[in-house]
Amino acid sequence: MRGAKLWISMAALRFNLNPAIACLGALILALIAPASAGGEKVVRLDDLYEALQDAPPPEAERLGREIMLEMSKSDSPAMNLLLKRGRAALAADNTALGIELLSALTDHAPEFAEGWHARSVAYARAGMMGPAMADLEQALALEPRNFAAIYSLGALLEEIGQPSLAYEAYSRVTAIHPYFDDVAALLARLEGETQGSEL
């Protein structure tokens, strides 16, 4: 019994010292709440992607933001909180904490594509290109239309010196969302760099 009390007190100490573990504790408690069905989200994303196909630039930008917002929602408030905290850690340049939080997210919600995408960004910032690429592969296997993840793939391919493959990735972004971020400028630049090479 005394050993159990000691373990509990040590666990409490670690819980108080490590903000990521504290966050996980709160999230595990929140997991008890029932999750909503995911079918409605898929239908909403299908509708948004369909509308994006023929939308003029300002409308396409608005639809793109809506799609990204929708993809950032899981079926669990706890997982949504993990994503939000992981992104906040990255925004505060705390990459290690971001990786820790987003790893907890991918562990607890392996079917949530945006968790993998967010962690790939964190790994890339840490210079861990292999894990970043593996996470992008998982994110895109779950949601192949995720233009932000495909854009991240292009950026990663550029970073590792693969301009032709980066060009192909950015081209795929434009097929889904031609007005996303600075993808047109990136394509123009890479076209100049890769001119004469086989794309």
C-alpha atoms as a PDB file:
ATOM      1  CA  MET A   1       0.000   0.000   0.000  1.00  0.00           C
ATOM      2  CA  ARG A   2       2.846   2.356   0.905  1.00  0.00           C
ATOM      3  CA  GLY A   3       4.444   1.645  -2.467  1.00  0.00           C
ATOM      4  CA  ALA A   4       1.194   2.565  -4.180  1.00  0.00           C
ATOM      5  CA  LYS A   5       1.018   5.851  -2.240  1.00  0.00           C
ATOM      6  CA  LEU A   6       4.619   6.630  -3.215  1.00  0.00           C
ATOM      7  CA  TRP A   7       3.873   5.907  -6.877  1.00  0.00           C
ATOM      8  CA  ILE A   8       0.797   8.169  -6.727  1.00  0.00           C
ATOM      9  CA  SER A   9       2.764  11.013  -5.141  1.00  0.00           C
ATOM     10  CA  MET A  10       5.565  10.653  -7.694  1.00  0.00           C
ATOM     11  CA  ALA A  11       2.992  10.614 -10.482  1.00  0.00           C
ATOM     12  CA  ALA A  12       1.402  13.742  -9.056  1.00  0.00           C
ATOM     13  CA  LEU A  13       4.812  15.429  -8.953  1.00  0.00           C
ATOM     14  CA  ARG A  14       5.478  14.596 -12.605  1.00  0.00           C
ATOM     15  CA  PHE A  15       1.937  15.712 -13.465  1.00  0.00           C
ATOM     16  CA  ASN A  16       2.587  19.139 -11.933  1.00  0.00           C
ATOM     17  CA  LEU A  17       6.062  19.574 -13.428  1.00  0.00           C
ATOM     18  CA  ASN A  18       5.350  18.637 -17.027  1.00  0.00           C
ATOM     19  CA  PRO A  19       2.719  20.766 -18.825  1.00  0.00           C
ATOM     20  CA  ALA A  20       2.365  18.209 -21.611  1.00  0.00           C
ATOM     21  CA  ILE A  21       1.554  15.448 -19.124  1.00  0.00           C
ATOM     22  CA  ALA A  22      -0.852  17.784 -17.329  1.00  0.00           C
ATOM     23  CA  CYS A  23      -2.600  18.443 -20.613  1.00  0.00           C
ATOM     24  CA  LEU A  24      -2.758  14.710 -21.350  1.00  0.00           C
ATOM     25  CA  GLY A  25      -4.326  14.052 -17.955  1.00  0.00           C
ATOM     26  CA  ALA A  26      -7.092  16.543 -18.692  1.00  0.00           C
ATOM     27  CA  LEU A  27      -7.572  15.080 -22.149  1.00  0.00           C
ATOM     28  CA  ILE A  28      -7.831  11.500 -20.916  1.00  0.00           C
ATOM     29  CA  LEU A  29     -10.571  12.602 -18.548  1.00  0.00           C
ATOM     30  CA  ALA A  30     -12.340  14.355 -21.398  1.00  0.00           C
ATOM     31  CA  LEU A  31     -12.214  11.166 -23.497  1.00  0.00           C
ATOM     32  CA  ILE A  32     -14.956   9.743 -21.316  1.00  0.00           C
ATOM     33  CA  ALA A  33     -17.433  12.067 -23.080  1.00  0.00           C
ATOM     34  CA  PRO A  34     -19.224  10.404 -26.010  1.00  0.00           C
ATOM     35  CA  ALA A  35     -17.925  11.319 -29.466  1.00  0.00           C
ATOM     36  CA  SER A  36     -20.202  12.432 -32.282  1.00  0.00           C
ATOM     37  CA  ALA A  37     -20.433  10.517 -35.558  1.00  0.00           C
ATOM     38  CA  GLY A  38     -17.978  11.502 -38.261  1.00  0.00           C
ATOM     39  CA  GLY A  39     -20.257  11.019 -41.300  1.00  0.00           C
ATOM     40  CA  GLU A  40     -21.577  14.574 -41.263  1.00  0.00           C
ATOM     41  CA  LYS A  41     -18.031  15.963 -41.422  1.00  0.00           C
ATOM     42  CA  VAL A  42     -17.194  13.886 -44.511  1.00  0.00           C
ATOM     43  CA  VAL A  43     -20.309  15.114 -46.332  1.00  0.00           C
ATOM     44  CA  ARG A  44     -19.529  18.728 -45.390  1.00  0.00           C
ATOM     45  CA  LEU A  45     -15.934  18.385 -46.668  1.00  0.00           C
ATOM     46  CA  ASP A  46     -17.153  16.806 -49.919  1.00  0.00           C
ATOM     47  CA  ASP A  47     -19.518  19.770 -50.441  1.00  0.00           C
ATOM     48  CA  LEU A  48     -16.779  22.306 -49.695  1.00  0.00           C
ATOM     49  CA  TYR A  49     -14.258  20.646 -52.022  1.00  0.00           C
ATOM     50  CA  GLU A  50     -16.871  20.500 -54.778  1.00  0.00           C
ATOM     51  CA  ALA A  51     -17.671  24.207 -54.346  1.00  0.00           C
ATOM     52  CA  LEU A  52     -13.934  25.015 -54.393  1.00  0.00           C
ATOM     53  CA  GLN A  53     -13.503  23.554 -57.900  1.00  0.00           C
ATOM     54  CA  ASP A  54     -15.151  26.441 -59.761  1.00  0.00           C
ATOM     55  CA  ALA A  55     -14.978  29.231 -57.201  1.00  0.00           C
ATOM     56  CA  PRO A  56     -13.492  32.632 -58.149  1.00  0.00           C
ATOM     57  CA  PRO A  57     -10.406  33.731 -56.121  1.00  0.00           C
ATOM     58  CA  PRO A  58     -12.040  35.493 -53.113  1.00  0.00           C
ATOM     59  CA  GLU A  59     -14.657  32.747 -52.737  1.00  0.00           C
ATOM     60  CA  ALA A  60     -12.002  30.033 -53.168  1.00  0.00           C
ATOM     61  CA  GLU A  61      -9.914  31.576 -50.409  1.00  0.00           C
ATOM     62  CA  ARG A  62     -12.946  31.611 -48.092  1.00  0.00           C
ATOM     63  CA  LEU A  63     -13.814  28.005 -48.963  1.00  0.00           C
ATOM     64  CA  GLY A  64     -10.185  26.974 -48.435  1.00  0.00           C
ATOM     65  CA  ARG A  65     -10.245  28.467 -44.926  1.00  0.00           C
ATOM     66  CA  GLU A  66     -13.503  26.634 -44.205  1.00  0.00           C
ATOM     67  CA  ILE A  67     -12.004  23.348 -45.391  1.00  0.00           C
ATOM     68  CA  MET A  68      -8.932  23.822 -43.202  1.00  0.00           C
ATOM     69  CA  LEU A  69     -11.139  24.658 -40.223  1.00  0.00           C
ATOM     70  CA  GLU A  70     -13.286  21.580 -40.852  1.00  0.00           C
ATOM     71  CA  MET A  71     -10.203  19.349 -41.164  1.00  0.00           C
ATOM     72  CA  SER A  72      -8.958  20.692 -37.824  1.00  0.00           C
ATOM     73  CA  LYS A  73     -12.010  19.258 -36.051  1.00  0.00           C
ATOM     74  CA  SER A  74     -11.889  15.706 -34.777  1.00  0.00           C
ATOM     75  CA  ASP A  75     -14.824  13.844 -33.279  1.00  0.00           C
ATOM     76  CA  SER A  76     -13.426  14.513 -29.803  1.00  0.00           C
ATOM     77  CA  PRO A  77     -13.163  17.824 -27.920  1.00  0.00           C
ATOM     78  CA  ALA A  78     -10.140  16.352 -26.138  1.00  0.00           C
ATOM     79  CA  MET A  79      -8.307  15.720 -29.407  1.00  0.00           C
ATOM     80  CA  ASN A  80      -9.269  19.179 -30.665  1.00  0.00           C
ATOM     81  CA  LEU A  81      -7.667  20.605 -27.528  1.00  0.00           C
ATOM     82  CA  LEU A  82      -4.486  18.600 -28.111  1.00  0.00           C
ATOM     83  CA  LEU A  83      -4.255  19.941 -31.672  1.00  0.00           C
ATOM     84  CA  LYS A  84      -4.830  23.489 -30.460  1.00  0.00           C
ATOM     85  CA  ARG A  85      -2.205  23.185 -27.707  1.00  0.00           C
ATOM     86  CA  GLY A  86       0.291  21.533 -30.056  1.00  0.00           C
ATOM     87  CA  ARG A  87      -0.102  24.317 -32.604  1.00  0.00           C
ATOM     88  CA  ALA A  88       0.164  26.934 -29.854  1.00  0.00           C
ATOM     89  CA  ALA A  89       3.443  25.359 -28.706  1.00  0.00           C
ATOM     90  CA  LEU A  90       4.790  25.554 -32.269  1.00  0.00           C
ATOM     91  CA  ALA A  91       3.661  29.180 -32.574  1.00  0.00           C
ATOM     92  CA  ALA A  92       5.585  29.905 -29.355  1.00  0.00           C
ATOM     93  CA  ASP A  93       8.702  28.208 -30.850  1.00  0.00           C
ATOM     94  CA  ASN A  94       8.468  25.354 -28.344  1.00  0.00           C
ATOM     95  CA  THR A  95       8.971  22.609 -30.913  1.00  0.00           C
ATOM     96  CA  ALA A  96       9.749  19.876 -28.378  1.00  0.00           C
ATOM     97  CA  LEU A  97       6.484  20.454 -26.519  1.00  0.00           C
ATOM     98  CA  GLY A  98       4.632  20.678 -29.839  1.00  0.00           C
ATOM     99  CA  ILE A  99       5.999  17.276 -30.884  1.00  0.00           C
ATOM    100  CA  GLU A 100       5.078  15.793 -27.508  1.00  0.00           C
ATOM    101  CA  LEU A 101       1.502  17.067 -27.619  1.00  0.00           C
ATOM    102  CA  LEU A 102       0.980  16.163 -31.272  1.00  0.00           C
ATOM    103  CA  SER A 103       2.459  12.695 -30.679  1.00  0.00           C
ATOM    104  CA  ALA A 104      -0.136  12.181 -27.960  1.00  0.00           C
ATOM    105  CA  LEU A 105      -2.750  13.277 -30.497  1.00  0.00           C
ATOM    106  CA  THR A 106      -1.638  10.802 -33.161  1.00  0.00           C
ATOM    107  CA  ASP A 107      -1.434   8.036 -30.530  1.00  0.00           C
ATOM    108  CA  HIS A 108      -4.986   8.645 -29.290  1.00  0.00           C
ATOM    109  CA  ALA A 109      -6.575   9.585 -32.652  1.00  0.00           C
ATOM    110  CA  PRO A 110      -4.681   7.734 -35.406  1.00  0.00           C
ATOM    111  CA  GLU A 111      -7.540   8.286 -37.884  1.00  0.00           C
ATOM    112  CA  PHE A 112      -7.390  12.095 -37.507  1.00  0.00           C
ATOM    113  CA  ALA A 113      -5.424  13.241 -40.564  1.00  0.00           C
ATOM    114  CA  GLU A 114      -4.720  16.762 -39.342  1.00  0.00           C
ATOM    115  CA  GLY A 115      -2.927  15.420 -36.262  1.00  0.00           C
ATOM    116  CA  TRP A 116      -0.386  13.717 -38.520  1.00  0.00           C
ATOM    117  CA  HIS A 117      -0.043  16.821 -40.685  1.00  0.00           C
ATOM    118  CA  ALA A 118       0.525  19.081 -37.675  1.00  0.00           C
ATOM    119  CA  ARG A 119       3.153  16.745 -36.236  1.00  0.00           C
ATOM    120  CA  SER A 120       4.917  16.570 -39.603  1.00  0.00           C
ATOM    121  CA  VAL A 121       5.273  20.363 -39.476  1.00  0.00           C
ATOM    122  CA  ALA A 122       6.700  20.087 -35.953  1.00  0.00           C
ATOM    123  CA  TYR A 123       9.178  17.400 -37.015  1.00  0.00           C
ATOM    124  CA  ALA A 124      10.261  19.485 -40.021  1.00  0.00           C
ATOM    125  CA  ARG A 125      10.909  22.474 -37.752  1.00  0.00           C
ATOM    126  CA  ALA A 126      13.068  20.227 -35.578  1.00  0.00           C
ATOM    127  CA  GLY A 127      15.048  19.163 -38.667  1.00  0.00           C
ATOM    128  CA  MET A 128      13.663  15.605 -38.449  1.00  0.00           C
ATOM    129  CA  MET A 129      12.866  15.189 -42.120  1.00  0.00           C
ATOM    130  CA  GLY A 130      12.352  11.402 -42.104  1.00  0.00           C
ATOM    131  CA  PRO A 131       9.645  11.457 -39.421  1.00  0.00           C
ATOM    132  CA  ALA A 132       8.115  14.555 -41.049  1.00  0.00           C
ATOM    133  CA  MET A 133       7.826  12.718 -44.356  1.00  0.00           C
ATOM    134  CA  ALA A 134       6.368   9.612 -42.689  1.00  0.00           C
ATOM    135  CA  ASP A 135       3.712  11.714 -40.964  1.00  0.00           C
ATOM    136  CA  LEU A 136       2.803  13.471 -44.216  1.00  0.00           C
ATOM    137  CA  GLU A 137       2.399  10.076 -45.849  1.00  0.00           C
ATOM    138  CA  GLN A 138      -0.015   9.058 -43.086  1.00  0.00           C
ATOM    139  CA  ALA A 139      -1.920  12.365 -43.262  1.00  0.00           C
ATOM    140  CA  LEU A 140      -2.380  12.086 -47.020  1.00  0.00           C
ATOM    141  CA  ALA A 141      -3.354   8.414 -46.850  1.00  0.00           C
ATOM    142  CA  LEU A 142      -6.197   9.486 -44.551  1.00  0.00           C
ATOM    143  CA  GLU A 143      -7.176  12.639 -46.492  1.00  0.00           C
ATOM    144  CA  PRO A 144      -5.641  12.802 -49.980  1.00  0.00           C
ATOM    145  CA  ARG A 145      -7.340  16.149 -50.752  1.00  0.00           C
ATOM    146  CA  ASN A 146      -5.620  17.978 -47.885  1.00  0.00           C
ATOM    147  CA  PHE A 147      -4.027  20.730 -49.971  1.00  0.00           C
ATOM    148  CA  ALA A 148      -2.227  22.170 -46.932  1.00  0.00           C
ATOM    149  CA  ALA A 149      -0.533  18.808 -46.302  1.00  0.00           C
ATOM    150  CA  ILE A 150       0.383  18.492 -49.996  1.00  0.00           C
ATOM    151  CA  TYR A 151       1.818  22.027 -49.812  1.00  0.00           C
ATOM    152  CA  SER A 152       3.839  20.942 -46.749  1.00  0.00           C
ATOM    153  CA  LEU A 153       5.088  17.974 -48.762  1.00  0.00           C
ATOM    154  CA  GLY A 154       6.244  20.337 -51.503  1.00  0.00           C
ATOM    155  CA  ALA A 155       8.078  22.502 -48.982  1.00  0.00           C
ATOM    156  CA  LEU A 156       9.733  19.441 -47.440  1.00  0.00           C
ATOM    157  CA  LEU A 157      10.795  18.157 -50.850  1.00  0.00           C
ATOM    158  CA  GLU A 158      12.337  21.545 -51.621  1.00  0.00           C
ATOM    159  CA  GLU A 159      14.141  21.470 -48.282  1.00  0.00           C
ATOM    160  CA  ILE A 160      15.750  18.126 -49.075  1.00  0.00           C
ATOM    161  CA  GLY A 161      16.797  19.232 -52.562  1.00  0.00           C
ATOM    162  CA  GLN A 162      14.092  17.655 -54.726  1.00  0.00           C
ATOM    163  CA  PRO A 163      12.756  20.594 -56.797  1.00  0.00           C
ATOM    164  CA  SER A 164      11.125  18.446 -59.497  1.00  0.00           C
ATOM    165  CA  LEU A 165       9.135  16.483 -56.936  1.00  0.00           C
ATOM    166  CA  ALA A 166       8.302  19.708 -55.092  1.00  0.00           C
ATOM    167  CA  TYR A 167       6.973  21.141 -58.368  1.00  0.00           C
ATOM    168  CA  GLU A 168       4.774  18.074 -58.789  1.00  0.00           C
ATOM    169  CA  ALA A 169       3.444  18.450 -55.235  1.00  0.00           C
ATOM    170  CA  TYR A 170       2.641  22.144 -55.729  1.00  0.00           C
ATOM    171  CA  SER A 171       0.959  21.307 -59.046  1.00  0.00           C
ATOM    172  CA  ARG A 172      -1.298  18.909 -57.181  1.00  0.00           C
ATOM    173  CA  VAL A 173      -2.149  21.686 -54.721  1.00  0.00           C
ATOM    174  CA  THR A 174      -3.307  23.918 -57.578  1.00  0.00           C
ATOM    175  CA  ALA A 175      -5.485  21.110 -58.949  1.00  0.00           C
ATOM    176  CA  ILE A 176      -7.401  21.179 -55.655  1.00  0.00           C
ATOM    177  CA  HIS A 177      -7.052  24.831 -54.580  1.00  0.00           C
ATOM    178  CA  PRO A 178      -5.366  27.037 -57.217  1.00  0.00           C
ATOM    179  CA  TYR A 179      -5.351  30.095 -54.966  1.00  0.00           C
ATOM    180  CA  PHE A 180      -3.810  28.507 -51.875  1.00  0.00           C
ATOM    181  CA  ASP A 181      -1.108  30.586 -50.216  1.00  0.00           C
ATOM    182  CA  ASP A 182       1.796  31.450 -52.568  1.00  0.00           C
ATOM    183  CA  VAL A 183       1.643  28.213 -54.561  1.00  0.00           C
ATOM    184  CA  ALA A 184       1.459  29.974 -57.960  1.00  0.00           C
ATOM    185  CA  ALA A 185       4.655  31.933 -57.204  1.00  0.00           C
ATOM    186  CA  LEU A 186       6.386  28.778 -55.980  1.00  0.00           C
ATOM    187  CA  LEU A 187       5.470  26.962 -59.187  1.00  0.00           C
ATOM    188  CA  ALA A 188       6.763  29.852 -61.293  1.00  0.00           C
ATOM    189  CA  ARG A 189      10.064  29.903 -59.385  1.00  0.00           C
ATOM    190  CA  LEU A 190      10.508  26.130 -59.529  1.00  0.00           C
ATOM    191  CA  GLU A 191       9.643  26.049 -63.218  1.00  0.00           C
ATOM    192  CA  GLY A 192      12.602  28.352 -63.809  1.00  0.00           C
ATOM    193  CA  GLU A 193      14.867  26.267 -61.580  1.00  0.00           C
ATOM    194  CA  THR A 194      13.879  22.956 -63.121  1.00  0.00           C
ATOM    195  CA  GLN A 195      13.703  24.121 -66.750  1.00  0.00           C
ATOM    196  CA  GLY A 196      15.477  21.591 -68.877  1.00  0.00           C
ATOM    197  CA  SER A 197      15.031  18.843 -66.284  1.00  0.00           C
ATOM    198  CA  GLU A 198      12.319  16.242 -66.552  1.00  0.00           C
ATOM    199  CA  LEU A 199       9.343  17.002 -64.283  1.00  0.00           C
END
